[in-house]
């Protein structure tokens, strides 16, 4: 084998297999929508990120995702601006591949319930994301009586709270929160990306909290942001990620894991085919029944989305 052939073979061995249709449909539970060309710009991504700073709209996403069997997608907020909730709803209305959004509202703030009632009148408004994003003092605000009262009303409305950003402190806080609001349905975002504590005592404390929150059947985890950069390079080998994925799967089980690509933020690590390939290979190794739960069935319980196109799976059959 000459040098050129050897390099080509080595590269092929480290890249994911080409897109192959799965034996079931896929619902992507985490993408972002924004238009960098709109008047006034966008709060995120920053202009300095050349990889991301371009319009991320349903038509562009659909061209990337449909070869992998994606039939529907849920948008997750990427703006703290109130009216961007409406912009997302209006944008999604134009393309039935979009089945819902997790918006941005702050429990405990004035007019939270007024704004919530306004947006949830649209069946595509599935909930909110709340955490340490946008410089918010989440760990103080989440403990206020007003926030707890708002979250009780939010849970009673059947909506979903996405928790971000993943950290040992967030896990601990979500345990406390679910003690106070037991029927609050939560999806923890991007937990595979979190680095567990290196200190032995802190690591034991984190694993204890992870096991505790794993017992709460209303808490799901999004197996997203799986890829990692090590020594400046992104590893595409599913075996590299297996120990961490095994831990999370062991804690939450086959019924409370959901798929999210994190597109287009995922482009910071790799293109869509590579992002999809790692989780496809990991879950298909567990068999089609478990993989189907991860790739769409569990998303129905996590988000209670409604079908907008006949190509999408029937939520009633989840």
C-alpha atoms as a PDB file:
ATOM      1  CA  UNK A   1       0.000   0.000   0.000  1.00  0.00           C
ATOM      2  CA  UNK A   2       1.441   3.393  -0.955  1.00  0.00           C
ATOM      3  CA  UNK A   3       1.396   6.380   1.390  1.00  0.00           C
ATOM      4  CA  UNK A   4      -1.605   8.032  -0.280  1.00  0.00           C
ATOM      5  CA  UNK A   5      -3.691   4.847  -0.056  1.00  0.00           C
ATOM      6  CA  UNK A   6      -2.673   4.339   3.557  1.00  0.00           C
ATOM      7  CA  UNK A   7      -3.723   7.872   4.538  1.00  0.00           C
ATOM      8  CA  UNK A   8      -7.040   7.532   2.721  1.00  0.00           C
ATOM      9  CA  UNK A   9      -7.745   4.216   4.459  1.00  0.00           C
ATOM     10  CA  UNK A  10      -6.826   5.651   7.851  1.00  0.00           C
ATOM     11  CA  UNK A  11      -9.116   8.645   7.339  1.00  0.00           C
ATOM     12  CA  UNK A  12     -11.986   6.414   6.282  1.00  0.00           C
ATOM     13  CA  UNK A  13     -11.559   4.343   9.431  1.00  0.00           C
ATOM     14  CA  UNK A  14     -12.035   7.381  11.687  1.00  0.00           C
ATOM     15  CA  UNK A  15     -15.007   8.946   9.902  1.00  0.00           C
ATOM     16  CA  UNK A  16     -18.616   7.866  10.447  1.00  0.00           C
ATOM     17  CA  UNK A  17     -20.388   5.657   7.976  1.00  0.00           C
ATOM     18  CA  UNK A  18     -22.523   7.377   5.323  1.00  0.00           C
ATOM     19  CA  UNK A  19     -26.129   8.142   6.172  1.00  0.00           C
ATOM     20  CA  UNK A  20     -28.182   4.965   6.298  1.00  0.00           C
ATOM     21  CA  UNK A  21     -31.922   5.008   6.879  1.00  0.00           C
ATOM     22  CA  UNK A  22     -32.933   3.760  10.301  1.00  0.00           C
ATOM     23  CA  UNK A  23     -35.881   1.362  10.494  1.00  0.00           C
ATOM     24  CA  UNK A  24     -37.974   4.068  12.223  1.00  0.00           C
ATOM     25  CA  UNK A  25     -38.461   7.858  12.085  1.00  0.00           C
ATOM     26  CA  UNK A  26     -36.360  10.310  14.128  1.00  0.00           C
ATOM     27  CA  UNK A  27     -37.354  13.381  16.145  1.00  0.00           C
ATOM     28  CA  UNK A  28     -34.524  15.829  16.837  1.00  0.00           C
ATOM     29  CA  UNK A  29     -35.252  17.406  20.221  1.00  0.00           C
ATOM     30  CA  UNK A  30     -32.640  20.156  20.157  1.00  0.00           C
ATOM     31  CA  UNK A  31     -31.946  22.579  17.340  1.00  0.00           C
ATOM     32  CA  UNK A  32     -31.637  26.363  17.283  1.00  0.00           C
ATOM     33  CA  UNK A  33     -33.228  28.830  14.876  1.00  0.00           C
ATOM     34  CA  UNK A  34     -31.999  32.356  14.214  1.00  0.00           C
ATOM     35  CA  UNK A  35     -31.518  34.746  11.316  1.00  0.00           C
ATOM     36  CA  UNK A  36     -28.259  36.683  11.387  1.00  0.00           C
ATOM     37  CA  UNK A  37     -29.502  38.788   8.458  1.00  0.00           C
ATOM     38  CA  UNK A  38     -32.536  40.211  10.201  1.00  0.00           C
ATOM     39  CA  UNK A  39     -32.549  43.923  11.146  1.00  0.00           C
ATOM     40  CA  UNK A  40     -30.855  44.431  14.492  1.00  0.00           C
ATOM     41  CA  UNK A  41     -29.002  41.129  14.399  1.00  0.00           C
ATOM     42  CA  UNK A  42     -29.298  38.364  17.001  1.00  0.00           C
ATOM     43  CA  UNK A  43     -28.156  37.923  20.624  1.00  0.00           C
ATOM     44  CA  UNK A  44     -26.440  34.658  19.657  1.00  0.00           C
ATOM     45  CA  UNK A  45     -24.250  33.462  18.000  1.00  0.00           C
ATOM     46  CA  UNK A  46     -21.543  36.142  18.129  1.00  0.00           C
ATOM     47  CA  UNK A  47     -20.283  37.605  14.883  1.00  0.00           C
ATOM     48  CA  UNK A  48     -16.809  36.390  15.800  1.00  0.00           C
ATOM     49  CA  UNK A  49     -17.914  32.770  15.325  1.00  0.00           C
ATOM     50  CA  UNK A  50     -17.642  32.365  11.574  1.00  0.00           C
ATOM     51  CA  UNK A  51     -18.799  28.746  11.789  1.00  0.00           C
ATOM     52  CA  UNK A  52     -22.160  29.673  13.274  1.00  0.00           C
ATOM     53  CA  UNK A  53     -22.812  33.235  12.172  1.00  0.00           C
ATOM     54  CA  UNK A  54     -25.104  32.553   9.223  1.00  0.00           C
ATOM     55  CA  UNK A  55     -28.885  32.078   9.046  1.00  0.00           C
ATOM     56  CA  UNK A  56     -30.056  28.879  10.741  1.00  0.00           C
ATOM     57  CA  UNK A  57     -33.578  28.359   9.433  1.00  0.00           C
ATOM     58  CA  UNK A  58     -35.808  25.306   8.890  1.00  0.00           C
ATOM     59  CA  UNK A  59     -35.054  24.957   5.176  1.00  0.00           C
ATOM     60  CA  UNK A  60     -31.296  24.739   5.767  1.00  0.00           C
ATOM     61  CA  UNK A  61     -31.768  22.295   8.633  1.00  0.00           C
ATOM     62  CA  UNK A  62     -34.111  20.102   6.626  1.00  0.00           C
ATOM     63  CA  UNK A  63     -31.582  19.627   3.831  1.00  0.00           C
ATOM     64  CA  UNK A  64     -28.997  18.421   6.344  1.00  0.00           C
ATOM     65  CA  UNK A  65     -31.230  16.287   8.511  1.00  0.00           C
ATOM     66  CA  UNK A  66     -33.762  14.505   6.320  1.00  0.00           C
ATOM     67  CA  UNK A  67     -31.166  12.091   4.825  1.00  0.00           C
ATOM     68  CA  UNK A  68     -30.863  10.691   8.361  1.00  0.00           C
ATOM     69  CA  UNK A  69     -34.570  10.035   8.714  1.00  0.00           C
ATOM     70  CA  UNK A  70     -35.404  13.116  10.775  1.00  0.00           C
ATOM     71  CA  UNK A  71     -39.128  13.769  10.454  1.00  0.00           C
ATOM     72  CA  UNK A  72     -39.553  16.480  13.065  1.00  0.00           C
ATOM     73  CA  UNK A  73     -37.508  18.872  15.182  1.00  0.00           C
ATOM     74  CA  UNK A  74     -37.943  20.861  18.389  1.00  0.00           C
ATOM     75  CA  UNK A  75     -36.327  24.283  18.595  1.00  0.00           C
ATOM     76  CA  UNK A  76     -34.651  25.321  21.862  1.00  0.00           C
ATOM     77  CA  UNK A  77     -34.293  28.990  22.693  1.00  0.00           C
ATOM     78  CA  UNK A  78     -31.091  30.838  21.867  1.00  0.00           C
ATOM     79  CA  UNK A  79     -32.227  34.359  22.747  1.00  0.00           C
ATOM     80  CA  UNK A  80     -33.299  36.127  25.968  1.00  0.00           C
ATOM     81  CA  UNK A  81     -35.522  38.559  24.030  1.00  0.00           C
ATOM     82  CA  UNK A  82     -39.210  38.152  24.803  1.00  0.00           C
ATOM     83  CA  UNK A  83     -40.430  38.709  21.253  1.00  0.00           C
ATOM     84  CA  UNK A  84     -38.009  36.129  19.879  1.00  0.00           C
ATOM     85  CA  UNK A  85     -40.434  33.555  21.285  1.00  0.00           C
ATOM     86  CA  UNK A  86     -42.968  34.863  18.791  1.00  0.00           C
ATOM     87  CA  UNK A  87     -40.383  35.086  16.005  1.00  0.00           C
ATOM     88  CA  UNK A  88     -39.605  31.395  16.465  1.00  0.00           C
ATOM     89  CA  UNK A  89     -43.285  30.420  16.477  1.00  0.00           C
ATOM     90  CA  UNK A  90     -43.893  32.435  13.302  1.00  0.00           C
ATOM     91  CA  UNK A  91     -40.825  30.921  11.634  1.00  0.00           C
ATOM     92  CA  UNK A  92     -41.804  27.375  12.562  1.00  0.00           C
ATOM     93  CA  UNK A  93     -45.339  27.840  11.265  1.00  0.00           C
ATOM     94  CA  UNK A  94     -43.960  27.969   7.712  1.00  0.00           C
ATOM     95  CA  UNK A  95     -42.402  24.489   7.792  1.00  0.00           C
ATOM     96  CA  UNK A  96     -44.090  21.387   9.255  1.00  0.00           C
ATOM     97  CA  UNK A  97     -40.762  19.721  10.039  1.00  0.00           C
ATOM     98  CA  UNK A  98     -40.790  22.002  13.090  1.00  0.00           C
ATOM     99  CA  UNK A  99     -43.064  20.495  15.737  1.00  0.00           C
ATOM    100  CA  UNK A 100     -42.321  22.655  18.763  1.00  0.00           C
ATOM    101  CA  UNK A 101     -40.203  25.133  20.648  1.00  0.00           C
ATOM    102  CA  UNK A 102     -38.758  25.398  24.130  1.00  0.00           C
ATOM    103  CA  UNK A 103     -38.870  29.149  24.669  1.00  0.00           C
ATOM    104  CA  UNK A 104     -37.319  31.666  27.026  1.00  0.00           C
ATOM    105  CA  UNK A 105     -39.285  33.036  29.986  1.00  0.00           C
ATOM    106  CA  UNK A 106     -38.119  33.525  33.577  1.00  0.00           C
ATOM    107  CA  UNK A 107     -40.265  32.094  36.383  1.00  0.00           C
ATOM    108  CA  UNK A 108     -40.644  34.505  39.274  1.00  0.00           C
ATOM    109  CA  UNK A 109     -40.455  37.590  37.073  1.00  0.00           C
ATOM    110  CA  UNK A 110     -43.372  40.008  36.682  1.00  0.00           C
ATOM    111  CA  UNK A 111     -45.840  38.979  33.974  1.00  0.00           C
ATOM    112  CA  UNK A 112     -44.377  35.470  33.664  1.00  0.00           C
ATOM    113  CA  UNK A 113     -47.818  33.903  33.668  1.00  0.00           C
ATOM    114  CA  UNK A 114     -49.241  36.497  31.294  1.00  0.00           C
ATOM    115  CA  UNK A 115     -46.456  35.826  28.801  1.00  0.00           C
ATOM    116  CA  UNK A 116     -46.743  32.074  29.351  1.00  0.00           C
ATOM    117  CA  UNK A 117     -50.468  32.127  28.613  1.00  0.00           C
ATOM    118  CA  UNK A 118     -49.828  34.157  25.477  1.00  0.00           C
ATOM    119  CA  UNK A 119     -47.254  31.794  23.997  1.00  0.00           C
ATOM    120  CA  UNK A 120     -48.718  28.472  25.139  1.00  0.00           C
ATOM    121  CA  UNK A 121     -51.909  29.329  23.301  1.00  0.00           C
ATOM    122  CA  UNK A 122     -49.883  28.100  20.337  1.00  0.00           C
ATOM    123  CA  UNK A 123     -49.652  24.271  20.600  1.00  0.00           C
ATOM    124  CA  UNK A 124     -46.069  24.397  19.331  1.00  0.00           C
ATOM    125  CA  UNK A 125     -44.955  26.181  22.505  1.00  0.00           C
ATOM    126  CA  UNK A 126     -43.901  23.175  24.584  1.00  0.00           C
ATOM    127  CA  UNK A 127     -42.087  24.781  27.497  1.00  0.00           C
ATOM    128  CA  UNK A 128     -39.108  26.902  28.490  1.00  0.00           C
ATOM    129  CA  UNK A 129     -35.397  26.551  29.086  1.00  0.00           C
ATOM    130  CA  UNK A 130     -34.075  27.982  32.336  1.00  0.00           C
ATOM    131  CA  UNK A 131     -30.664  27.927  33.935  1.00  0.00           C
ATOM    132  CA  UNK A 132     -27.419  29.855  34.102  1.00  0.00           C
ATOM    133  CA  UNK A 133     -27.593  31.120  30.517  1.00  0.00           C
ATOM    134  CA  UNK A 134     -27.656  34.841  29.686  1.00  0.00           C
ATOM    135  CA  UNK A 135     -25.832  35.779  32.891  1.00  0.00           C
ATOM    136  CA  UNK A 136     -28.861  35.009  35.048  1.00  0.00           C
ATOM    137  CA  UNK A 137     -28.579  34.333  38.786  1.00  0.00           C
ATOM    138  CA  UNK A 138     -30.420  31.064  38.456  1.00  0.00           C
ATOM    139  CA  UNK A 139     -29.357  29.509  41.762  1.00  0.00           C
ATOM    140  CA  UNK A 140     -30.772  32.496  43.649  1.00  0.00           C
ATOM    141  CA  UNK A 141     -33.857  33.087  41.526  1.00  0.00           C
ATOM    142  CA  UNK A 142     -35.032  29.451  41.435  1.00  0.00           C
ATOM    143  CA  UNK A 143     -35.401  29.446  45.223  1.00  0.00           C
ATOM    144  CA  UNK A 144     -37.760  32.424  45.446  1.00  0.00           C
ATOM    145  CA  UNK A 145     -41.402  31.777  46.402  1.00  0.00           C
ATOM    146  CA  UNK A 146     -42.548  33.513  43.215  1.00  0.00           C
ATOM    147  CA  UNK A 147     -40.497  31.206  41.003  1.00  0.00           C
ATOM    148  CA  UNK A 148     -41.769  28.092  42.778  1.00  0.00           C
ATOM    149  CA  UNK A 149     -45.369  29.255  42.457  1.00  0.00           C
ATOM    150  CA  UNK A 150     -44.867  29.977  38.762  1.00  0.00           C
ATOM    151  CA  UNK A 151     -43.290  26.565  38.190  1.00  0.00           C
ATOM    152  CA  UNK A 152     -46.212  24.853  39.905  1.00  0.00           C
ATOM    153  CA  UNK A 153     -48.576  26.609  37.501  1.00  0.00           C
ATOM    154  CA  UNK A 154     -46.225  25.776  34.624  1.00  0.00           C
ATOM    155  CA  UNK A 155     -46.187  22.082  35.570  1.00  0.00           C
ATOM    156  CA  UNK A 156     -49.969  22.037  35.944  1.00  0.00           C
ATOM    157  CA  UNK A 157     -50.198  23.294  32.352  1.00  0.00           C
ATOM    158  CA  UNK A 158     -48.327  20.169  31.204  1.00  0.00           C
ATOM    159  CA  UNK A 159     -45.276  22.017  29.922  1.00  0.00           C
ATOM    160  CA  UNK A 160     -41.604  20.949  29.977  1.00  0.00           C
ATOM    161  CA  UNK A 161     -38.626  22.657  31.600  1.00  0.00           C
ATOM    162  CA  UNK A 162     -35.238  22.226  29.922  1.00  0.00           C
ATOM    163  CA  UNK A 163     -32.401  22.670  32.412  1.00  0.00           C
ATOM    164  CA  UNK A 164     -29.139  24.316  31.329  1.00  0.00           C
ATOM    165  CA  UNK A 165     -26.230  24.414  31.563  1.00  0.00           C
ATOM    166  CA  UNK A 166     -25.296  20.990  32.873  1.00  0.00           C
ATOM    167  CA  UNK A 167     -23.136  20.950  35.997  1.00  0.00           C
ATOM    168  CA  UNK A 168     -23.018  19.138  39.345  1.00  0.00           C
ATOM    169  CA  UNK A 169     -24.618  22.234  40.893  1.00  0.00           C
ATOM    170  CA  UNK A 170     -27.500  22.084  38.421  1.00  0.00           C
ATOM    171  CA  UNK A 171     -28.154  18.421  39.200  1.00  0.00           C
ATOM    172  CA  UNK A 172     -28.284  19.204  42.911  1.00  0.00           C
ATOM    173  CA  UNK A 173     -30.629  22.142  42.334  1.00  0.00           C
ATOM    174  CA  UNK A 174     -32.967  20.105  40.146  1.00  0.00           C
ATOM    175  CA  UNK A 175     -33.265  17.537  42.949  1.00  0.00           C
ATOM    176  CA  UNK A 176     -34.352  20.294  45.309  1.00  0.00           C
ATOM    177  CA  UNK A 177     -36.700  21.719  42.678  1.00  0.00           C
ATOM    178  CA  UNK A 178     -38.413  18.400  41.994  1.00  0.00           C
ATOM    179  CA  UNK A 179     -38.891  17.958  45.745  1.00  0.00           C
ATOM    180  CA  UNK A 180     -40.879  21.213  45.732  1.00  0.00           C
ATOM    181  CA  UNK A 181     -42.631  20.719  42.392  1.00  0.00           C
ATOM    182  CA  UNK A 182     -42.962  16.920  42.061  1.00  0.00           C
ATOM    183  CA  UNK A 183     -44.978  16.972  38.840  1.00  0.00           C
ATOM    184  CA  UNK A 184     -42.550  19.273  37.008  1.00  0.00           C
ATOM    185  CA  UNK A 185     -41.311  17.488  33.889  1.00  0.00           C
ATOM    186  CA  UNK A 186     -37.626  18.249  33.250  1.00  0.00           C
ATOM    187  CA  UNK A 187     -35.190  17.512  30.433  1.00  0.00           C
ATOM    188  CA  UNK A 188     -31.514  17.993  31.327  1.00  0.00           C
ATOM    189  CA  UNK A 189     -29.664  19.345  28.296  1.00  0.00           C
ATOM    190  CA  UNK A 190     -26.263  18.202  27.039  1.00  0.00           C
ATOM    191  CA  UNK A 191     -25.260  16.129  30.050  1.00  0.00           C
ATOM    192  CA  UNK A 192     -22.661  14.110  28.060  1.00  0.00           C
ATOM    193  CA  UNK A 193     -20.655  17.314  27.541  1.00  0.00           C
ATOM    194  CA  UNK A 194     -20.252  17.946  31.270  1.00  0.00           C
ATOM    195  CA  UNK A 195     -16.945  17.040  32.896  1.00  0.00           C
ATOM    196  CA  UNK A 196     -17.531  15.238  36.209  1.00  0.00           C
ATOM    197  CA  UNK A 197     -15.485  16.627  39.125  1.00  0.00           C
ATOM    198  CA  UNK A 198     -11.896  15.427  39.359  1.00  0.00           C
ATOM    199  CA  UNK A 199     -11.753  15.703  43.149  1.00  0.00           C
ATOM    200  CA  UNK A 200     -12.673  12.311  44.601  1.00  0.00           C
ATOM    201  CA  UNK A 201     -15.091  13.621  47.244  1.00  0.00           C
ATOM    202  CA  UNK A 202     -16.797  15.957  44.798  1.00  0.00           C
ATOM    203  CA  UNK A 203     -17.014  13.121  42.278  1.00  0.00           C
ATOM    204  CA  UNK A 204     -18.752  10.862  44.816  1.00  0.00           C
ATOM    205  CA  UNK A 205     -21.171  13.660  45.683  1.00  0.00           C
ATOM    206  CA  UNK A 206     -21.980  14.220  42.003  1.00  0.00           C
ATOM    207  CA  UNK A 207     -22.535  10.520  41.344  1.00  0.00           C
ATOM    208  CA  UNK A 208     -24.790  10.298  44.402  1.00  0.00           C
ATOM    209  CA  UNK A 209     -26.862  13.231  43.100  1.00  0.00           C
ATOM    210  CA  UNK A 210     -26.953  11.761  39.594  1.00  0.00           C
ATOM    211  CA  UNK A 211     -28.281   8.484  40.979  1.00  0.00           C
ATOM    212  CA  UNK A 212     -30.884  10.357  43.024  1.00  0.00           C
ATOM    213  CA  UNK A 213     -32.217  12.415  40.140  1.00  0.00           C
ATOM    214  CA  UNK A 214     -32.219   9.297  38.013  1.00  0.00           C
ATOM    215  CA  UNK A 215     -34.884   7.873  40.333  1.00  0.00           C
ATOM    216  CA  UNK A 216     -37.278  10.697  39.445  1.00  0.00           C
ATOM    217  CA  UNK A 217     -39.390   9.401  36.624  1.00  0.00           C
ATOM    218  CA  UNK A 218     -40.373  12.873  35.411  1.00  0.00           C
ATOM    219  CA  UNK A 219     -36.718  13.749  34.655  1.00  0.00           C
ATOM    220  CA  UNK A 220     -35.267  12.978  31.225  1.00  0.00           C
ATOM    221  CA  UNK A 221     -31.767  13.479  29.874  1.00  0.00           C
ATOM    222  CA  UNK A 222     -30.869  14.703  26.434  1.00  0.00           C
ATOM    223  CA  UNK A 223     -28.015  12.662  24.985  1.00  0.00           C
ATOM    224  CA  UNK A 224     -26.659  15.591  23.021  1.00  0.00           C
ATOM    225  CA  UNK A 225     -23.353  17.456  22.710  1.00  0.00           C
ATOM    226  CA  UNK A 226     -21.631  14.085  22.848  1.00  0.00           C
ATOM    227  CA  UNK A 227     -18.589  14.910  20.731  1.00  0.00           C
ATOM    228  CA  UNK A 228     -15.475  16.228  22.455  1.00  0.00           C
ATOM    229  CA  UNK A 229     -12.287  17.898  21.378  1.00  0.00           C
ATOM    230  CA  UNK A 230      -9.149  16.315  22.812  1.00  0.00           C
ATOM    231  CA  UNK A 231      -5.740  17.847  22.123  1.00  0.00           C
ATOM    232  CA  UNK A 232      -7.325  20.041  19.479  1.00  0.00           C
ATOM    233  CA  UNK A 233      -8.998  17.175  17.610  1.00  0.00           C
ATOM    234  CA  UNK A 234     -12.550  15.839  17.697  1.00  0.00           C
ATOM    235  CA  UNK A 235     -12.793  12.107  18.281  1.00  0.00           C
ATOM    236  CA  UNK A 236     -15.412  10.368  16.094  1.00  0.00           C
ATOM    237  CA  UNK A 237     -15.037   6.865  17.540  1.00  0.00           C
ATOM    238  CA  UNK A 238     -18.124   5.736  19.454  1.00  0.00           C
ATOM    239  CA  UNK A 239     -15.894   3.593  21.689  1.00  0.00           C
ATOM    240  CA  UNK A 240     -14.302   6.772  23.058  1.00  0.00           C
ATOM    241  CA  UNK A 241     -17.690   7.998  24.304  1.00  0.00           C
ATOM    242  CA  UNK A 242     -19.108   4.674  25.435  1.00  0.00           C
ATOM    243  CA  UNK A 243     -18.084   4.802  29.136  1.00  0.00           C
ATOM    244  CA  UNK A 244     -19.825   8.130  29.734  1.00  0.00           C
ATOM    245  CA  UNK A 245     -22.874   7.179  27.676  1.00  0.00           C
ATOM    246  CA  UNK A 246     -23.060   3.865  29.503  1.00  0.00           C
ATOM    247  CA  UNK A 247     -23.133   5.692  32.826  1.00  0.00           C
ATOM    248  CA  UNK A 248     -25.973   8.011  31.782  1.00  0.00           C
ATOM    249  CA  UNK A 249     -27.924   5.187  30.177  1.00  0.00           C
ATOM    250  CA  UNK A 250     -27.489   3.143  33.334  1.00  0.00           C
ATOM    251  CA  UNK A 251     -28.872   5.972  35.462  1.00  0.00           C
ATOM    252  CA  UNK A 252     -31.829   7.074  33.306  1.00  0.00           C
ATOM    253  CA  UNK A 253     -32.600   3.872  31.442  1.00  0.00           C
ATOM    254  CA  UNK A 254     -34.059   3.257  28.023  1.00  0.00           C
ATOM    255  CA  UNK A 255     -37.279   5.194  28.690  1.00  0.00           C
ATOM    256  CA  UNK A 256     -35.832   8.601  29.642  1.00  0.00           C
ATOM    257  CA  UNK A 257     -33.150   9.388  27.077  1.00  0.00           C
ATOM    258  CA  UNK A 258     -33.899  11.592  24.058  1.00  0.00           C
ATOM    259  CA  UNK A 259     -32.008  12.583  20.927  1.00  0.00           C
ATOM    260  CA  UNK A 260     -30.862  16.128  20.232  1.00  0.00           C
ATOM    261  CA  UNK A 261     -28.348  17.211  17.614  1.00  0.00           C
ATOM    262  CA  UNK A 262     -27.762  20.735  18.995  1.00  0.00           C
ATOM    263  CA  UNK A 263     -27.613  21.989  15.391  1.00  0.00           C
ATOM    264  CA  UNK A 264     -26.098  24.357  14.355  1.00  0.00           C
ATOM    265  CA  UNK A 265     -24.094  24.770  17.574  1.00  0.00           C
ATOM    266  CA  UNK A 266     -22.893  21.224  16.915  1.00  0.00           C
ATOM    267  CA  UNK A 267     -20.964  22.550  13.908  1.00  0.00           C
ATOM    268  CA  UNK A 268     -18.394  23.804  16.417  1.00  0.00           C
ATOM    269  CA  UNK A 269     -17.391  20.134  16.809  1.00  0.00           C
ATOM    270  CA  UNK A 270     -18.398  18.414  13.584  1.00  0.00           C
ATOM    271  CA  UNK A 271     -20.882  18.409  10.732  1.00  0.00           C
ATOM    272  CA  UNK A 272     -24.311  16.839  11.138  1.00  0.00           C
ATOM    273  CA  UNK A 273     -23.384  13.393   9.709  1.00  0.00           C
ATOM    274  CA  UNK A 274     -20.596  12.951  12.242  1.00  0.00           C
ATOM    275  CA  UNK A 275     -22.726  14.173  15.145  1.00  0.00           C
ATOM    276  CA  UNK A 276     -25.529  11.798  14.198  1.00  0.00           C
ATOM    277  CA  UNK A 277     -23.268   8.818  13.531  1.00  0.00           C
ATOM    278  CA  UNK A 278     -21.903   8.519  17.066  1.00  0.00           C
ATOM    279  CA  UNK A 279     -25.305   8.306  18.772  1.00  0.00           C
ATOM    280  CA  UNK A 280     -26.722   6.190  15.940  1.00  0.00           C
ATOM    281  CA  UNK A 281     -23.967   3.619  16.363  1.00  0.00           C
ATOM    282  CA  UNK A 282     -24.204   3.632  20.164  1.00  0.00           C
ATOM    283  CA  UNK A 283     -27.955   3.152  20.366  1.00  0.00           C
ATOM    284  CA  UNK A 284     -28.361   0.800  17.420  1.00  0.00           C
ATOM    285  CA  UNK A 285     -25.863  -1.496  19.159  1.00  0.00           C
ATOM    286  CA  UNK A 286     -28.507  -1.848  21.876  1.00  0.00           C
ATOM    287  CA  UNK A 287     -31.046  -3.047  19.333  1.00  0.00           C
ATOM    288  CA  UNK A 288     -33.753  -1.320  17.269  1.00  0.00           C
ATOM    289  CA  UNK A 289     -36.345  -1.346  20.072  1.00  0.00           C
ATOM    290  CA  UNK A 290     -34.185   0.681  22.466  1.00  0.00           C
ATOM    291  CA  UNK A 291     -32.842   2.880  19.667  1.00  0.00           C
ATOM    292  CA  UNK A 292     -36.380   3.730  18.572  1.00  0.00           C
ATOM    293  CA  UNK A 293     -37.205   4.883  22.092  1.00  0.00           C
ATOM    294  CA  UNK A 294     -34.198   7.203  22.075  1.00  0.00           C
ATOM    295  CA  UNK A 295     -34.740   8.536  18.573  1.00  0.00           C
ATOM    296  CA  UNK A 296     -38.458   9.356  18.884  1.00  0.00           C
ATOM    297  CA  UNK A 297     -40.734   7.463  21.265  1.00  0.00           C
ATOM    298  CA  UNK A 298     -39.364   8.973  24.489  1.00  0.00           C
ATOM    299  CA  UNK A 299     -39.644  12.475  23.023  1.00  0.00           C
ATOM    300  CA  UNK A 300     -43.432  12.212  23.158  1.00  0.00           C
ATOM    301  CA  UNK A 301     -43.424  11.758  26.933  1.00  0.00           C
ATOM    302  CA  UNK A 302     -40.713  14.342  27.414  1.00  0.00           C
ATOM    303  CA  UNK A 303     -42.303  17.081  25.308  1.00  0.00           C
ATOM    304  CA  UNK A 304     -45.897  16.106  24.434  1.00  0.00           C
ATOM    305  CA  UNK A 305     -45.508  17.405  20.896  1.00  0.00           C
ATOM    306  CA  UNK A 306     -48.215  17.236  18.248  1.00  0.00           C
ATOM    307  CA  UNK A 307     -47.775  15.849  14.750  1.00  0.00           C
ATOM    308  CA  UNK A 308     -47.815  18.430  11.937  1.00  0.00           C
ATOM    309  CA  UNK A 309     -47.141  16.183   8.945  1.00  0.00           C
ATOM    310  CA  UNK A 310     -48.264  12.695   7.978  1.00  0.00           C
ATOM    311  CA  UNK A 311     -44.608  11.633   7.601  1.00  0.00           C
ATOM    312  CA  UNK A 312     -44.134  12.132  11.352  1.00  0.00           C
ATOM    313  CA  UNK A 313     -44.785   9.255  13.760  1.00  0.00           C
ATOM    314  CA  UNK A 314     -48.105   9.243  15.561  1.00  0.00           C
ATOM    315  CA  UNK A 315     -47.574  10.377  19.182  1.00  0.00           C
ATOM    316  CA  UNK A 316     -50.546   8.287  20.229  1.00  0.00           C
ATOM    317  CA  UNK A 317     -48.557   5.188  19.267  1.00  0.00           C
ATOM    318  CA  UNK A 318     -45.468   6.048  21.301  1.00  0.00           C
END
